Amino acid sequence: MQNLKRNINVGFRVTEEEQAMIHRRMEQTGIRSLRAYLLKMAVNGLVVNLDLNKGAPKSTALHHHQE
């Protein structure tokens, strides 16, 4: 194998609903590559935990737009 900068493979399964959500958000950002979108969100995305009802925290992913 070549001496690649990114040499670790990361993968996961999603439902059809989740896949549709991912593609809608990709379209909103203008990123056409699934790999590029997922990498950017994993590295630069922001997750905020909100405790609205003194119960279990709610996780929400926010888009962190950088230009």
N, C-alpha and C. Protein backbone atom coordinates (compact mmCIF):
# COMPACT_ATOMS: atom_id res chain seq x y z
N MET A 1 0.85 -1.19 0.00
CA MET A 1 0.00 0.00 0.00
C MET A 1 0.89 1.24 0.00
N GLN A 2 0.43 2.27 -0.70
CA GLN A 2 1.17 3.52 -0.75
C GLN A 2 1.25 4.13 0.64
N ASN A 3 2.17 5.05 0.78
CA ASN A 3 2.33 5.77 2.03
C ASN A 3 1.35 6.94 2.03
N LEU A 4 0.08 6.68 2.34
CA LEU A 4 -0.97 7.68 2.29
C LEU A 4 -1.03 8.50 3.57
N LYS A 5 -1.44 9.76 3.43
CA LYS A 5 -1.62 10.61 4.60
C LYS A 5 -2.77 10.08 5.46
N ARG A 6 -3.87 9.74 4.80
CA ARG A 6 -5.03 9.18 5.51
C ARG A 6 -5.07 7.69 5.21
N ASN A 7 -4.56 6.89 6.13
CA ASN A 7 -4.45 5.46 5.88
C ASN A 7 -5.36 4.60 6.76
N ILE A 8 -6.27 5.23 7.50
CA ILE A 8 -7.19 4.49 8.38
C ILE A 8 -8.59 4.62 7.81
N ASN A 9 -9.27 3.49 7.63
CA ASN A 9 -10.62 3.48 7.10
C ASN A 9 -11.62 3.53 8.26
N VAL A 10 -12.60 4.42 8.18
CA VAL A 10 -13.66 4.54 9.18
C VAL A 10 -14.98 4.37 8.45
N GLY A 11 -15.85 3.52 8.97
CA GLY A 11 -17.14 3.30 8.31
C GLY A 11 -18.23 3.02 9.33
N PHE A 12 -19.47 3.27 8.93
CA PHE A 12 -20.60 2.99 9.80
C PHE A 12 -21.85 2.83 8.95
N ARG A 13 -22.88 2.23 9.51
CA ARG A 13 -24.14 2.01 8.81
C ARG A 13 -25.18 3.05 9.25
N VAL A 14 -26.08 3.39 8.33
CA VAL A 14 -27.16 4.33 8.62
C VAL A 14 -28.46 3.77 8.07
N THR A 15 -29.58 4.30 8.56
CA THR A 15 -30.88 3.94 8.01
C THR A 15 -31.11 4.74 6.73
N GLU A 16 -32.13 4.38 5.97
CA GLU A 16 -32.47 5.14 4.76
C GLU A 16 -32.83 6.57 5.11
N GLU A 17 -33.53 6.76 6.23
CA GLU A 17 -33.91 8.10 6.69
C GLU A 17 -32.67 8.94 7.00
N GLU A 18 -31.73 8.35 7.73
CA GLU A 18 -30.49 9.06 8.07
C GLU A 18 -29.68 9.40 6.82
N GLN A 19 -29.66 8.48 5.88
CA GLN A 19 -28.94 8.73 4.63
C GLN A 19 -29.56 9.92 3.88
N ALA A 20 -30.88 9.97 3.84
CA ALA A 20 -31.56 11.09 3.18
C ALA A 20 -31.24 12.40 3.88
N MET A 21 -31.21 12.38 5.22
CA MET A 21 -30.87 13.60 5.98
C MET A 21 -29.45 14.05 5.66
N ILE A 22 -28.53 13.11 5.60
CA ILE A 22 -27.13 13.44 5.29
C ILE A 22 -27.05 14.09 3.91
N HIS A 23 -27.73 13.50 2.94
CA HIS A 23 -27.68 14.05 1.58
C HIS A 23 -28.34 15.43 1.49
N ARG A 24 -29.44 15.65 2.23
CA ARG A 24 -30.06 16.98 2.25
C ARG A 24 -29.10 18.02 2.82
N ARG A 25 -28.42 17.66 3.90
CA ARG A 25 -27.48 18.61 4.52
C ARG A 25 -26.26 18.84 3.63
N MET A 26 -25.85 17.80 2.91
CA MET A 26 -24.76 17.97 1.95
C MET A 26 -25.15 19.00 0.91
N GLU A 27 -26.39 18.89 0.38
CA GLU A 27 -26.86 19.83 -0.62
C GLU A 27 -26.89 21.25 -0.07
N GLN A 28 -27.29 21.42 1.19
CA GLN A 28 -27.35 22.74 1.80
C GLN A 28 -25.97 23.38 1.90
N THR A 29 -24.94 22.57 2.11
CA THR A 29 -23.59 23.10 2.25
C THR A 29 -22.89 23.27 0.91
N GLY A 30 -23.42 22.62 -0.13
CA GLY A 30 -22.77 22.70 -1.43
C GLY A 30 -21.63 21.71 -1.61
N ILE A 31 -21.42 20.84 -0.63
CA ILE A 31 -20.38 19.81 -0.73
C ILE A 31 -20.98 18.62 -1.46
N ARG A 32 -20.35 18.20 -2.56
CA ARG A 32 -20.91 17.14 -3.39
C ARG A 32 -20.33 15.77 -3.07
N SER A 33 -19.24 15.70 -2.36
CA SER A 33 -18.61 14.43 -2.03
C SER A 33 -19.03 14.00 -0.62
N LEU A 34 -19.61 12.80 -0.52
CA LEU A 34 -20.02 12.28 0.78
C LEU A 34 -18.83 12.17 1.72
N ARG A 35 -17.72 11.67 1.20
CA ARG A 35 -16.51 11.53 2.01
C ARG A 35 -16.05 12.89 2.54
N ALA A 36 -16.02 13.90 1.69
CA ALA A 36 -15.58 15.23 2.10
C ALA A 36 -16.53 15.82 3.14
N TYR A 37 -17.84 15.65 2.93
CA TYR A 37 -18.83 16.17 3.87
C TYR A 37 -18.69 15.52 5.24
N LEU A 38 -18.64 14.18 5.25
CA LEU A 38 -18.55 13.47 6.54
C LEU A 38 -17.25 13.78 7.26
N LEU A 39 -16.15 13.88 6.53
CA LEU A 39 -14.88 14.22 7.15
C LEU A 39 -14.92 15.62 7.74
N LYS A 40 -15.46 16.58 6.98
CA LYS A 40 -15.54 17.96 7.47
C LYS A 40 -16.42 18.05 8.71
N MET A 41 -17.56 17.35 8.71
CA MET A 41 -18.44 17.39 9.88
C MET A 41 -17.80 16.70 11.09
N ALA A 42 -17.09 15.61 10.86
CA ALA A 42 -16.46 14.89 11.97
C ALA A 42 -15.33 15.71 12.57
N VAL A 43 -14.59 16.42 11.73
CA VAL A 43 -13.43 17.17 12.21
C VAL A 43 -13.82 18.57 12.68
N ASN A 44 -14.70 19.24 11.95
CA ASN A 44 -15.02 20.64 12.24
C ASN A 44 -16.42 20.86 12.79
N GLY A 45 -17.26 19.81 12.81
CA GLY A 45 -18.63 19.96 13.28
C GLY A 45 -18.66 20.24 14.78
N LEU A 46 -19.80 20.66 15.25
CA LEU A 46 -19.95 21.02 16.65
C LEU A 46 -21.17 20.30 17.21
N VAL A 47 -21.04 19.67 18.36
CA VAL A 47 -22.15 19.01 19.02
C VAL A 47 -22.40 19.72 20.34
N VAL A 48 -23.65 20.10 20.57
CA VAL A 48 -24.02 20.81 21.79
C VAL A 48 -24.98 19.94 22.57
N ASN A 49 -24.70 19.70 23.85
CA ASN A 49 -25.60 18.95 24.72
C ASN A 49 -26.44 19.93 25.52
N LEU A 50 -27.76 19.82 25.37
CA LEU A 50 -28.68 20.71 26.08
C LEU A 50 -29.48 19.89 27.08
N ASP A 51 -29.56 20.35 28.32
CA ASP A 51 -30.39 19.70 29.33
C ASP A 51 -31.61 20.59 29.53
N LEU A 52 -32.67 20.32 28.77
CA LEU A 52 -33.84 21.18 28.79
C LEU A 52 -34.85 20.80 29.86
N ASN A 53 -34.85 19.56 30.29
CA ASN A 53 -35.86 19.09 31.25
C ASN A 53 -35.25 18.42 32.46
N LYS A 54 -34.05 18.74 32.81
CA LYS A 54 -33.35 18.10 33.92
C LYS A 54 -33.34 16.59 33.75
N GLY A 55 -33.46 16.13 32.52
CA GLY A 55 -33.43 14.70 32.21
C GLY A 55 -32.15 14.40 31.47
N ALA A 56 -32.22 13.40 30.64
CA ALA A 56 -31.05 13.01 29.85
C ALA A 56 -30.70 14.12 28.87
N PRO A 57 -29.41 14.35 28.64
CA PRO A 57 -29.00 15.39 27.71
C PRO A 57 -29.45 15.09 26.28
N LYS A 58 -29.78 16.13 25.56
CA LYS A 58 -30.15 16.03 24.16
C LYS A 58 -28.94 16.45 23.34
N SER A 59 -28.52 15.64 22.40
CA SER A 59 -27.38 15.97 21.54
C SER A 59 -27.89 16.56 20.24
N THR A 60 -27.31 17.68 19.85
CA THR A 60 -27.67 18.34 18.61
C THR A 60 -26.40 18.70 17.87
N ALA A 61 -26.31 18.32 16.61
CA ALA A 61 -25.15 18.69 15.79
C ALA A 61 -25.46 20.01 15.12
N LEU A 62 -24.52 20.93 15.20
CA LEU A 62 -24.65 22.22 14.56
C LEU A 62 -23.62 22.33 13.46
N HIS A 63 -24.01 22.96 12.37
CA HIS A 63 -23.07 23.18 11.27
C HIS A 63 -22.16 24.34 11.64
N HIS A 64 -20.87 24.12 11.58
CA HIS A 64 -19.89 25.16 11.87
C HIS A 64 -19.32 25.59 10.54
N HIS A 65 -19.79 26.71 10.01
CA HIS A 65 -19.42 27.16 8.68
C HIS A 65 -18.14 27.96 8.74
N GLN A 66 -17.13 27.51 7.99
CA GLN A 66 -15.86 28.23 7.91
C GLN A 66 -15.59 28.59 6.46
N GLU A 67 -15.11 29.80 6.22
CA GLU A 67 -14.74 30.18 4.86
C GLU A 67 -13.30 30.55 4.80
